[in-house]
Amino acid sequence: MVTFIGDFECKADAKGRIVLPAAFKKAVGQDEQRFVVRKDLFETCLVLYPYAYWEEELLRLRQRLNPYKREHKQFLRDFFRASAEVQLDSGGRFLIPRRLMEQVAADREVVLVGVDRYIELWAKPIYSAMSDNAVSLAGQAELLLGGASADSE
């Protein structure tokens, strides 16, 4: 199973290609050269899924959605419209479609963030602002994982 960790500042070249950081290349291995990229549902970033993980996500969607229900069909249309397949070239670079980069206000300077089984792509200024205003990891861990405190019992 692939696990991506860390964050890496990257610059797109003149053609808009971004080099996948060596740590992410190592995590994905030689066999996986295809990714699916889509606009995140909740954040102003893009998400890159290794193709094998994307297929798992599709299986989950297919199990929960009925294409014969209008709301489900609209969700599927919007979900796939905001997606594209990208492939690593021989130099380990990938090209994100311009329309997707524009949706997250990204140009040449981006940050790639490993989030377990996928990679987030952020415009550098947005990521920096979000990181500066982030709630502490300790506070998030306590809130999400800490359970009831001894004081409240």
Protein backbone atom coordinates (compact mmCIF):
# COMPACT_ATOMS: atom_id res chain seq x y z
CA MET A 1 0.00 0.00 0.00
CA VAL A 2 1.24 3.49 -0.89
CA THR A 3 1.67 6.11 1.84
CA PHE A 4 2.65 9.70 1.03
CA ILE A 5 4.12 11.88 3.79
CA GLY A 6 5.71 15.32 3.95
CA ASP A 7 5.26 18.55 2.06
CA PHE A 8 7.40 19.81 -0.80
CA GLU A 9 7.57 23.21 -2.46
CA CYS A 10 7.69 22.80 -6.25
CA LYS A 11 7.83 25.08 -9.27
CA ALA A 12 6.16 24.33 -12.55
CA ASP A 13 8.41 24.65 -15.60
CA ALA A 14 7.66 26.92 -18.58
CA LYS A 15 5.22 24.31 -19.97
CA GLY A 16 3.46 23.95 -16.62
CA ARG A 17 4.93 20.55 -15.72
CA ILE A 18 5.68 19.73 -12.08
CA VAL A 19 8.33 17.25 -10.98
CA LEU A 20 7.01 14.65 -8.56
CA PRO A 21 9.31 14.78 -5.49
CA ALA A 22 11.67 11.81 -5.12
CA ALA A 23 10.02 10.72 -1.85
CA PHE A 24 6.66 10.47 -3.61
CA LYS A 25 8.19 8.67 -6.60
CA LYS A 26 9.71 6.14 -4.23
CA ALA A 27 6.38 5.67 -2.41
CA VAL A 28 4.44 5.08 -5.62
CA GLY A 29 7.09 2.83 -7.17
CA GLN A 30 7.94 2.17 -10.81
CA ASP A 31 4.68 0.40 -11.68
CA GLU A 32 2.36 3.34 -11.01
CA GLN A 33 2.82 6.13 -13.52
CA ARG A 34 -0.83 7.24 -13.75
CA PHE A 35 -2.71 9.49 -11.37
CA VAL A 36 -6.16 10.98 -11.35
CA VAL A 37 -6.34 14.60 -10.25
CA ARG A 38 -9.48 16.32 -9.12
CA LYS A 39 -10.59 19.41 -7.24
CA ASP A 40 -10.95 18.65 -3.54
CA LEU A 41 -14.54 18.67 -2.32
CA PHE A 42 -13.83 20.79 0.77
CA GLU A 43 -10.56 22.68 0.32
CA THR A 44 -9.01 25.00 -2.27
CA CYS A 45 -6.58 22.37 -3.48
CA LEU A 46 -6.29 19.54 -5.98
CA VAL A 47 -5.96 15.90 -5.00
CA LEU A 48 -3.76 13.43 -6.92
CA TYR A 49 -4.75 9.79 -6.50
CA PRO A 50 -2.50 6.97 -7.69
CA TYR A 51 -4.64 5.15 -10.24
CA ALA A 52 -5.02 2.01 -8.09
CA TYR A 53 -6.37 4.06 -5.19
CA TRP A 54 -8.66 6.00 -7.55
CA GLU A 55 -10.20 2.70 -8.62
CA GLU A 56 -10.87 1.86 -4.95
CA GLU A 57 -12.56 5.24 -4.52
CA LEU A 58 -14.73 4.58 -7.58
CA LEU A 59 -15.79 1.24 -6.15
CA ARG A 60 -16.93 3.00 -2.95
CA LEU A 61 -18.87 5.54 -5.02
CA ARG A 62 -20.54 2.88 -7.14
CA GLN A 63 -21.64 1.00 -4.04
CA ARG A 64 -23.31 4.09 -2.57
CA LEU A 65 -24.75 5.91 -5.58
CA ASN A 66 -27.59 5.03 -7.90
CA PRO A 67 -27.25 6.59 -11.39
CA TYR A 68 -31.04 6.35 -11.75
CA LYS A 69 -31.56 8.94 -9.01
CA ARG A 70 -31.34 12.52 -10.24
CA GLU A 71 -29.27 13.84 -7.29
CA HIS A 72 -26.83 10.95 -7.55
CA LYS A 73 -26.44 11.42 -11.28
CA GLN A 74 -25.76 15.14 -10.82
CA PHE A 75 -23.17 14.38 -8.14
CA LEU A 76 -21.43 11.89 -10.44
CA ARG A 77 -21.43 14.40 -13.30
CA ASP A 78 -19.91 17.13 -11.13
CA PHE A 79 -17.44 14.71 -9.53
CA PHE A 80 -16.06 13.44 -12.84
CA ARG A 81 -16.15 16.84 -14.55
CA ALA A 82 -13.67 18.13 -11.97
CA SER A 83 -11.28 15.22 -12.67
CA ALA A 84 -8.52 14.40 -15.16
CA GLU A 85 -5.98 11.64 -15.69
CA VAL A 86 -2.31 12.62 -15.63
CA GLN A 87 0.75 10.54 -16.32
CA LEU A 88 4.35 10.86 -15.24
CA ASP A 89 6.73 11.41 -18.15
CA SER A 90 10.25 9.94 -18.35
CA GLY A 91 11.53 12.84 -16.21
CA GLY A 92 9.02 12.17 -13.43
CA ARG A 93 6.98 15.24 -14.38
CA PHE A 94 3.23 15.61 -14.72
CA LEU A 95 1.04 18.26 -16.30
CA ILE A 96 -2.16 19.33 -14.55
CA PRO A 97 -4.84 20.71 -16.89
CA ARG A 98 -4.94 24.50 -16.76
CA ARG A 99 -8.65 24.57 -15.89
CA LEU A 100 -7.95 22.62 -12.68
CA MET A 101 -4.96 24.77 -11.73
CA GLU A 102 -7.13 27.87 -12.16
CA GLN A 103 -9.80 26.44 -9.83
CA VAL A 104 -7.28 26.48 -6.96
CA ALA A 105 -5.51 29.71 -7.98
CA ALA A 106 -2.25 27.83 -8.60
CA ASP A 107 0.37 29.01 -11.04
CA ARG A 108 4.08 28.22 -10.97
CA GLU A 109 4.70 27.87 -7.22
CA VAL A 110 2.85 25.00 -5.59
CA VAL A 111 3.17 22.79 -2.53
CA LEU A 112 2.65 19.04 -2.78
CA VAL A 113 1.47 17.54 0.50
CA GLY A 114 1.44 13.81 1.23
CA VAL A 115 -1.78 12.82 3.00
CA ASP A 116 -1.58 9.06 3.49
CA ARG A 117 -2.83 7.50 0.21
CA TYR A 118 -3.03 10.67 -1.90
CA ILE A 119 -1.22 13.93 -2.60
CA GLU A 120 -2.71 17.40 -2.26
CA LEU A 121 -1.55 20.19 -4.58
CA TRP A 122 -1.87 23.69 -3.12
CA ALA A 123 -1.07 27.13 -4.48
CA LYS A 124 1.91 28.15 -2.34
CA PRO A 125 0.35 31.38 -0.98
CA ILE A 126 -2.87 29.60 0.04
CA TYR A 127 -0.99 26.75 1.71
CA SER A 128 1.28 29.17 3.57
CA ALA A 129 -1.70 31.20 4.83
CA MET A 130 -3.54 28.04 5.87
CA SER A 131 -0.46 26.71 7.69
CA ASP A 132 0.01 30.01 9.52
CA ASN A 133 -3.59 29.95 10.77
CA ALA A 134 -3.86 26.22 11.47
CA VAL A 135 -5.05 24.90 14.79
CA SER A 136 -2.25 23.08 16.56
CA LEU A 137 -1.85 19.38 15.85
CA ALA A 138 -1.99 18.71 19.58
CA GLY A 139 -5.33 20.49 19.85
CA GLN A 140 -6.72 18.61 16.85
CA ALA A 141 -5.52 15.27 18.26
CA GLU A 142 -7.14 15.98 21.60
CA LEU A 143 -10.42 17.05 20.00
CA LEU A 144 -10.63 14.22 17.46
CA LEU A 145 -8.88 11.34 19.22
CA GLY A 146 -8.77 12.19 22.92
CA GLY A 147 -12.26 11.15 23.89
CA ALA A 148 -13.83 12.31 27.14
CA SER A 149 -11.45 13.94 29.60
CA ALA A 150 -11.16 12.85 33.23
CA ASP A 151 -12.50 16.29 34.31
CA SER A 152 -15.83 15.73 32.55
CA GLU A 153 -16.53 12.35 34.19
